[in-house]
């Protein structure tokens, strides 16, 4: 739909590349260019094109603006004041702040608050007027003033659906949705049938009243559904569908839809969980047996609807290529087996210091500091004390059961003195990996 709307604008733009032709000049001379004619003070402005076309009838693409094209570059402020859309039975407001232009001679105009959700009233004829107060950049008034009518929504209709007709590979948790061009209420529910039948119920989109959706626990895998909205369906004003609206779609086999990290990722964080999303709700009782991690890793997991989240209990081992395999014993809650075995391969990052406080090179540091060191992995806290030193300063450690620790010196540090913290390679992760090389950072105290 957006492409259709842009095509209309492009048509006007291409049409405007050549201005009106003047009379034939003397042989060998050259006439004015199209660009020069757009600002020629001797030429009076007039509207030469419009979309939707004057006196036409819709329906038009959803969310379309009104496009207008002049033979001159126009003064935008005066055009805003001169432009109006009206109808006998509805109140329509033009959002002048949204006026956009291409080159100064083509304008796109939007209705205030219009979002493509049926602001045009079904059956209504609308008038577009541009008064003589509109001026071009030379100060010439629009001659003649412009007026046209169009009927954007001649009848009540289904504007669009989700899924669209003919779509395949649809997730089982998809809500079947019908969008209308006019407000509806709950009376429309009895006019909609789904085959094969599904459990659940239709919900009215009360926010703007122009859509309904089927709230269901899930659709069956690998199944073609047909939805029919019968001609008995009507909007809140009593306008009925002219004919039945039918659309069909097919759901996906039960399979993996996406995963984090993606297959082949390198440098994966050592404490991150793995998230795998499927095309339908997972049978939680089949997860533990279906999942295998190599190298063997202790893990826990959680499930939410169509997602499985896998957590390494002690973190991932650094610089290691992992394979997470899910076999076909995994089932959807509807009983369908995974279409084929799935394997996610990724490689983890190296074990390293990720943050220190004070940071390296800090000056005027408080003489009673808390030294903080954080790693990119959960650490074996028993390896910290023997692999930490700071200019022979004694102190007390606070060892968290995670990826960091604190060190608090027992005595006030000397003023204006440089201290260096040294971490040896004996510090290990909870999975037993050492730092690849010693790490140090320095800071200088204040007074």
Foldseek 3Di string as FASTA:
>chain_A
DVVQLVVVVVVLVVVQQFADDDDDDPPPDDDDGLQCQQAPLVDAKEWDAKPVGFPEEDQDAFPHFIKTFMRHQWDLVQQLVQKDKDFDPDDWAWDSVPWDDDPRGMITTDTVPGDRQQPQDAQTKMKIWGCQSIGHPSRHTYPPTDMGIYHNHPAKDFNAWPPGFPAEAAFFQDWTKTFINAAADPVQQVQKDKPPDADFGKDAPVPRRGMITGHHQTHDAFDKMKMKRAQVGDHPVRTTDPGIDMGMYTHHAWAWDAKPPAAAAEADFFFAKIKIFIRWFWDVVQPVVFKAKPVHFDWDWDGDTRMIIIGGPQTHAAFDKMKIKGAQSIAHPVGGTHPGIDIGIYHHHHKDWDDWPVFFAAEQAFQFDKTKTFISGFWDQVQFPVFKDKPNFDFDKDDDRGGMIITTGPDGHDAFDKIKIKGAQSIAGPVGHTHPGIDMGMYTHHD
